[in-house]
Amino acid sequence: GVVLNPHYKDMGNLYGSEYWTYLLPKRVGQERANRITQRRLPMGCAEALELGLVDAHFGDSSEAFLASLRQRAEALAADPALAGLLTEKARRRAADELAKPLAHYREAELARMQQNFYGFDPSYHVARYNFVYKVAKSRTPITIARHRDKRWAPEPVRRANA
């Protein structure tokens, strides 16, 4: 299966710059986008589908995936509704561009990345070094080892009445 990590924060609080501030909220909504990027948890295909991050998941192997992908692509190309779908997609994109051009998303993301690279916080450079030189983490990140997070309290254990 595939595991997604749709965030950059564990790479030294890296912000990211692939138009994700436009695309992720567009796919899942702003509230879910915030939750995904703040939680910093790995995500499987089923969860990504449930959240709206992907349209579908299919195939239990590379071969099955490619066969299904080919079949889906051929069906889409032969679909008489394709021209209308593309026209509608272009209309939505043009409306989005009028509201806020993609260039503005890029500029804002790159400004945040500039801070990651040249700002006062060295955590990106430490994380990059550790990644490049395969330095193992000294412990599981707190986003996964929730029991160490002082801000998180587990649900109280409910005991049955005796």
Protein backbone atom coordinates (compact mmCIF):
# COMPACT_ATOMS: atom_id res chain seq x y z
CA GLY A 1 0.00 0.00 0.00
CA VAL A 2 0.86 3.65 -0.08
CA VAL A 3 1.44 5.82 2.96
CA LEU A 4 1.18 9.58 2.54
CA ASN A 5 2.86 12.18 4.72
CA PRO A 6 1.11 15.32 3.43
CA HIS A 7 3.19 17.79 5.43
CA TYR A 8 6.75 19.10 5.72
CA LYS A 9 6.86 20.10 9.38
CA ASP A 10 8.89 17.10 10.50
CA MET A 11 11.60 18.28 8.11
CA GLY A 12 12.67 21.04 10.48
CA ASN A 13 9.31 22.83 10.40
CA LEU A 14 9.68 23.25 6.63
CA TYR A 15 6.72 25.06 5.10
CA GLY A 16 6.62 23.62 1.56
CA SER A 17 6.15 25.30 -1.79
CA GLU A 18 4.23 23.17 -4.28
CA TYR A 19 1.12 25.37 -4.27
CA TRP A 20 -0.14 23.27 -1.36
CA THR A 21 -1.79 26.31 0.26
CA TYR A 22 -4.05 26.44 -2.82
CA LEU A 23 -4.42 22.74 -3.61
CA LEU A 24 -4.85 21.10 -0.20
CA PRO A 25 -7.71 23.35 1.04
CA LYS A 26 -9.32 23.07 -2.41
CA ARG A 27 -9.34 19.27 -2.09
CA VAL A 28 -10.31 18.84 1.56
CA GLY A 29 -11.47 22.24 2.84
CA GLN A 30 -9.54 24.69 5.01
CA GLU A 31 -10.42 23.08 8.36
CA ARG A 32 -9.31 19.61 7.26
CA ALA A 33 -6.21 21.04 5.58
CA ASN A 34 -5.24 22.68 8.88
CA ARG A 35 -5.87 19.46 10.77
CA ILE A 36 -3.82 17.37 8.30
CA THR A 37 -0.82 19.69 8.37
CA GLN A 38 -0.91 20.25 12.13
CA ARG A 39 -1.39 16.59 13.14
CA ARG A 40 1.61 15.49 11.04
CA LEU A 41 0.54 11.85 10.97
CA PRO A 42 1.09 9.34 8.18
CA MET A 43 -2.05 8.57 6.21
CA GLY A 44 -3.08 5.47 4.30
CA CYS A 45 -5.09 5.36 1.09
CA ALA A 46 -8.42 4.71 2.81
CA GLU A 47 -8.08 7.77 5.04
CA ALA A 48 -6.91 9.93 2.12
CA LEU A 49 -10.00 8.84 0.17
CA GLU A 50 -12.30 9.50 3.13
CA LEU A 51 -10.86 13.01 3.58
CA GLY A 52 -11.11 13.83 -0.15
CA LEU A 53 -7.36 14.06 -0.65
CA VAL A 54 -7.52 11.46 -3.43
CA ASP A 55 -10.33 10.56 -5.83
CA ALA A 56 -9.80 6.79 -5.70
CA HIS A 57 -7.38 4.08 -4.75
CA PHE A 58 -7.12 0.84 -6.64
CA GLY A 59 -4.85 -2.10 -7.35
CA ASP A 60 -3.20 -4.46 -4.88
CA SER A 61 0.10 -4.54 -6.78
CA SER A 62 2.03 -2.36 -9.22
CA GLU A 63 0.76 -4.45 -12.12
CA ALA A 64 -2.88 -4.26 -10.97
CA PHE A 65 -2.54 -0.53 -10.37
CA LEU A 66 -1.12 0.10 -13.85
CA ALA A 67 -3.77 -2.08 -15.51
CA SER A 68 -6.56 -0.27 -13.67
CA LEU A 69 -4.99 3.10 -14.38
CA ARG A 70 -4.80 2.32 -18.10
CA GLN A 71 -8.43 1.18 -18.10
CA ARG A 72 -9.57 4.31 -16.26
CA ALA A 73 -7.58 6.60 -18.58
CA GLU A 74 -9.02 4.95 -21.68
CA ALA A 75 -12.56 5.19 -20.28
CA LEU A 76 -12.07 8.86 -19.44
CA ALA A 77 -10.64 9.63 -22.89
CA ALA A 78 -13.66 7.95 -24.52
CA ASP A 79 -16.22 9.62 -22.25
CA PRO A 80 -18.44 12.02 -24.23
CA ALA A 81 -18.72 14.19 -21.10
CA LEU A 82 -14.94 14.81 -20.99
CA ALA A 83 -15.09 18.07 -22.96
CA GLY A 84 -17.70 19.44 -20.56
CA LEU A 85 -15.67 18.33 -17.53
CA LEU A 86 -12.58 20.08 -18.89
CA THR A 87 -14.56 23.23 -19.69
CA GLU A 88 -15.97 23.31 -16.15
CA LYS A 89 -12.53 22.72 -14.66
CA ALA A 90 -11.10 25.60 -16.72
CA ARG A 91 -13.98 27.84 -15.61
CA ARG A 92 -13.37 27.04 -11.92
CA ARG A 93 -9.63 27.59 -12.31
CA ALA A 94 -10.22 30.98 -14.02
CA ALA A 95 -12.57 32.02 -11.19
CA ASP A 96 -9.96 30.98 -8.62
CA GLU A 97 -7.30 32.93 -10.49
CA LEU A 98 -9.47 36.06 -10.39
CA ALA A 99 -10.01 35.64 -6.65
CA LYS A 100 -6.32 35.01 -5.91
CA PRO A 101 -3.72 34.29 -8.59
CA LEU A 102 -1.54 31.19 -8.20
CA ALA A 103 1.46 33.52 -8.26
CA HIS A 104 0.32 34.95 -4.90
CA TYR A 105 0.21 31.47 -3.35
CA ARG A 106 3.71 30.82 -4.69
CA GLU A 107 5.09 34.13 -3.41
CA ALA A 108 3.66 33.56 0.08
CA GLU A 109 4.93 29.97 0.24
CA LEU A 110 8.40 30.97 -0.95
CA ALA A 111 8.54 33.81 1.59
CA ARG A 112 7.88 31.28 4.35
CA MET A 113 10.49 28.94 2.85
CA GLN A 114 12.98 31.83 2.84
CA GLN A 115 12.53 32.00 6.60
CA ASN A 116 13.12 28.23 6.86
CA PHE A 117 16.38 28.52 4.94
CA TYR A 118 17.78 31.84 6.16
CA GLY A 119 15.81 32.71 9.31
CA PHE A 120 16.94 32.40 12.91
CA ASP A 121 15.58 28.85 13.44
CA PRO A 122 18.22 26.25 12.44
CA SER A 123 15.86 23.25 12.74
CA TYR A 124 15.48 22.83 8.96
CA HIS A 125 19.25 22.60 8.49
CA VAL A 126 19.57 20.08 11.32
CA ALA A 127 16.72 17.97 9.89
CA ARG A 128 18.19 18.17 6.38
CA TYR A 129 21.62 17.10 7.64
CA ASN A 130 20.08 14.20 9.56
CA PHE A 131 18.09 13.14 6.50
CA VAL A 132 21.03 13.34 4.06
CA TYR A 133 23.42 11.54 6.40
CA LYS A 134 20.75 9.07 7.57
CA VAL A 135 21.05 10.03 11.22
CA ALA A 136 18.32 8.15 13.06
CA LYS A 137 15.90 10.09 15.22
CA SER A 138 16.73 9.75 18.88
CA ARG A 139 13.07 9.08 19.66
CA THR A 140 9.69 8.78 18.02
CA PRO A 141 8.26 12.21 17.04
CA ILE A 142 5.74 13.53 19.56
CA THR A 143 3.08 13.67 16.84
CA ILE A 144 3.13 9.87 16.87
CA ALA A 145 4.13 9.22 20.51
CA ARG A 146 1.17 11.17 21.86
CA HIS A 147 1.64 9.82 25.39
CA ARG A 148 4.69 12.12 25.78
CA ASP A 149 2.80 15.26 24.72
CA LYS A 150 2.02 17.30 27.84
CA ARG A 151 -0.82 19.07 25.97
CA TRP A 152 -2.63 15.81 25.24
CA ALA A 153 -4.67 13.93 27.80
CA PRO A 154 -5.97 10.44 27.05
CA GLU A 155 -9.62 9.62 27.55
CA PRO A 156 -10.26 8.49 31.14
CA VAL A 157 -10.79 4.76 31.59
CA ARG A 158 -14.42 4.02 32.33
CA ARG A 159 -15.03 1.15 34.69
CA ALA A 160 -18.22 -0.89 34.69
CA ASN A 161 -20.32 -0.63 37.84
CA ALA A 162 -19.70 -3.66 40.04
